[in-house]
Amino acid sequence: MKKDKHGINSKGQKRGDAYMPSIPIKKIAPEKALSILKKAGYDIDAEQSEEVMEFLYIIVKLTLKEFFTSD
């Protein structure tokens, strides 16, 4: 698929849009994430649990990109 010099392909999508599937990702509330992680035996605070969840969301997005895009 050809892209112009501004990163827009022939379908009018920007470069980043072409690679991310439009599958909604349900976010877990920070309090729930903290509860789940503590129950699993992790001794972390609320800020650390939010960082863990942000990392996991990145992993999910990369996984979706890998399995649901045709590039």
C-alpha atoms as a PDB file:
ATOM      1  CA  MET A   1       0.000   0.000   0.000  1.00  0.00           C
ATOM      2  CA  LYS A   2       1.470   3.336  -1.029  1.00  0.00           C
ATOM      3  CA  LYS A   3       1.825   6.206   1.418  1.00  0.00           C
ATOM      4  CA  ASP A   4       2.382   9.853   0.642  1.00  0.00           C
ATOM      5  CA  LYS A   5       5.099  11.970   2.261  1.00  0.00           C
ATOM      6  CA  HIS A   6       2.780  12.779   5.194  1.00  0.00           C
ATOM      7  CA  GLY A   7       2.350   9.130   6.189  1.00  0.00           C
ATOM      8  CA  ILE A   8      -1.167   8.804   4.791  1.00  0.00           C
ATOM      9  CA  ASN A   9      -1.915   5.718   2.722  1.00  0.00           C
ATOM     10  CA  SER A  10      -4.215   5.403  -0.290  1.00  0.00           C
ATOM     11  CA  LYS A  11      -7.191   4.635   1.971  1.00  0.00           C
ATOM     12  CA  GLY A  12      -6.748   7.914   3.847  1.00  0.00           C
ATOM     13  CA  GLN A  13      -5.457   6.293   7.030  1.00  0.00           C
ATOM     14  CA  LYS A  14      -2.532   7.700   8.962  1.00  0.00           C
ATOM     15  CA  ARG A  15       0.455   5.434   9.426  1.00  0.00           C
ATOM     16  CA  GLY A  16      -0.353   4.520  13.054  1.00  0.00           C
ATOM     17  CA  ASP A  17      -4.037   3.843  12.343  1.00  0.00           C
ATOM     18  CA  ALA A  18      -3.233   1.223   9.720  1.00  0.00           C
ATOM     19  CA  TYR A  19      -1.556  -1.037  12.245  1.00  0.00           C
ATOM     20  CA  MET A  20      -3.886  -0.885  15.240  1.00  0.00           C
ATOM     21  CA  PRO A  21      -7.024  -2.997  15.031  1.00  0.00           C
ATOM     22  CA  SER A  22     -10.189  -1.367  16.285  1.00  0.00           C
ATOM     23  CA  ILE A  23     -10.834  -3.972  18.973  1.00  0.00           C
ATOM     24  CA  PRO A  24     -11.967  -2.291  22.192  1.00  0.00           C
ATOM     25  CA  ILE A  25      -9.863  -3.127  25.233  1.00  0.00           C
ATOM     26  CA  LYS A  26     -11.697  -3.228  28.544  1.00  0.00           C
ATOM     27  CA  LYS A  27      -9.688  -1.404  31.200  1.00  0.00           C
ATOM     28  CA  ILE A  28      -9.585  -2.676  34.766  1.00  0.00           C
ATOM     29  CA  ALA A  29     -10.069  -0.132  37.545  1.00  0.00           C
ATOM     30  CA  PRO A  30      -6.804   0.625  39.392  1.00  0.00           C
ATOM     31  CA  GLU A  31      -8.324  -0.512  42.698  1.00  0.00           C
ATOM     32  CA  LYS A  32      -9.358  -3.846  41.168  1.00  0.00           C
ATOM     33  CA  ALA A  33      -5.908  -4.313  39.612  1.00  0.00           C
ATOM     34  CA  LEU A  34      -4.253  -3.625  42.970  1.00  0.00           C
ATOM     35  CA  SER A  35      -6.567  -6.123  44.664  1.00  0.00           C
ATOM     36  CA  ILE A  36      -5.839  -8.819  42.061  1.00  0.00           C
ATOM     37  CA  LEU A  37      -2.072  -8.295  42.251  1.00  0.00           C
ATOM     38  CA  LYS A  38      -2.039  -8.320  46.063  1.00  0.00           C
ATOM     39  CA  LYS A  39      -4.150 -11.500  46.091  1.00  0.00           C
ATOM     40  CA  ALA A  40      -1.582 -13.066  43.728  1.00  0.00           C
ATOM     41  CA  GLY A  41       1.124 -12.320  46.299  1.00  0.00           C
ATOM     42  CA  TYR A  42       2.691  -9.127  44.947  1.00  0.00           C
ATOM     43  CA  ASP A  43       3.620  -6.551  47.597  1.00  0.00           C
ATOM     44  CA  ILE A  44       3.074  -3.345  45.603  1.00  0.00           C
ATOM     45  CA  ASP A  45       1.350  -0.001  46.057  1.00  0.00           C
ATOM     46  CA  ALA A  46      -1.329   1.673  43.909  1.00  0.00           C
ATOM     47  CA  GLU A  47       1.169   3.564  41.740  1.00  0.00           C
ATOM     48  CA  GLN A  48       3.121   0.403  40.966  1.00  0.00           C
ATOM     49  CA  SER A  49      -0.055  -1.507  40.110  1.00  0.00           C
ATOM     50  CA  GLU A  50      -1.008   1.234  37.626  1.00  0.00           C
ATOM     51  CA  GLU A  51       2.431   0.930  36.001  1.00  0.00           C
ATOM     52  CA  VAL A  52       2.012  -2.847  35.768  1.00  0.00           C
ATOM     53  CA  MET A  53      -1.397  -2.420  34.125  1.00  0.00           C
ATOM     54  CA  GLU A  54      -0.074   0.138  31.625  1.00  0.00           C
ATOM     55  CA  PHE A  55       2.675  -2.320  30.686  1.00  0.00           C
ATOM     56  CA  LEU A  56       0.123  -5.102  30.256  1.00  0.00           C
ATOM     57  CA  TYR A  57      -2.056  -2.890  28.034  1.00  0.00           C
ATOM     58  CA  ILE A  58       0.981  -2.264  25.817  1.00  0.00           C
ATOM     59  CA  ILE A  59       1.567  -6.027  25.585  1.00  0.00           C
ATOM     60  CA  VAL A  60      -2.098  -6.565  24.669  1.00  0.00           C
ATOM     61  CA  LYS A  61      -1.936  -3.913  21.929  1.00  0.00           C
ATOM     62  CA  LEU A  62       1.242  -5.425  20.491  1.00  0.00           C
ATOM     63  CA  THR A  63      -0.316  -8.892  20.554  1.00  0.00           C
ATOM     64  CA  LEU A  64      -3.456  -7.662  18.785  1.00  0.00           C
ATOM     65  CA  LYS A  65      -1.285  -5.947  16.192  1.00  0.00           C
ATOM     66  CA  GLU A  66       0.710  -9.131  15.628  1.00  0.00           C
ATOM     67  CA  PHE A  67      -2.276 -11.434  15.165  1.00  0.00           C
ATOM     68  CA  PHE A  68      -4.933  -9.179  13.619  1.00  0.00           C
ATOM     69  CA  THR A  69      -3.095  -7.105  11.016  1.00  0.00           C
ATOM     70  CA  SER A  70      -2.149  -8.224   7.542  1.00  0.00           C
ATOM     71  CA  ASP A  71       1.241  -6.472   7.261  1.00  0.00           C
END
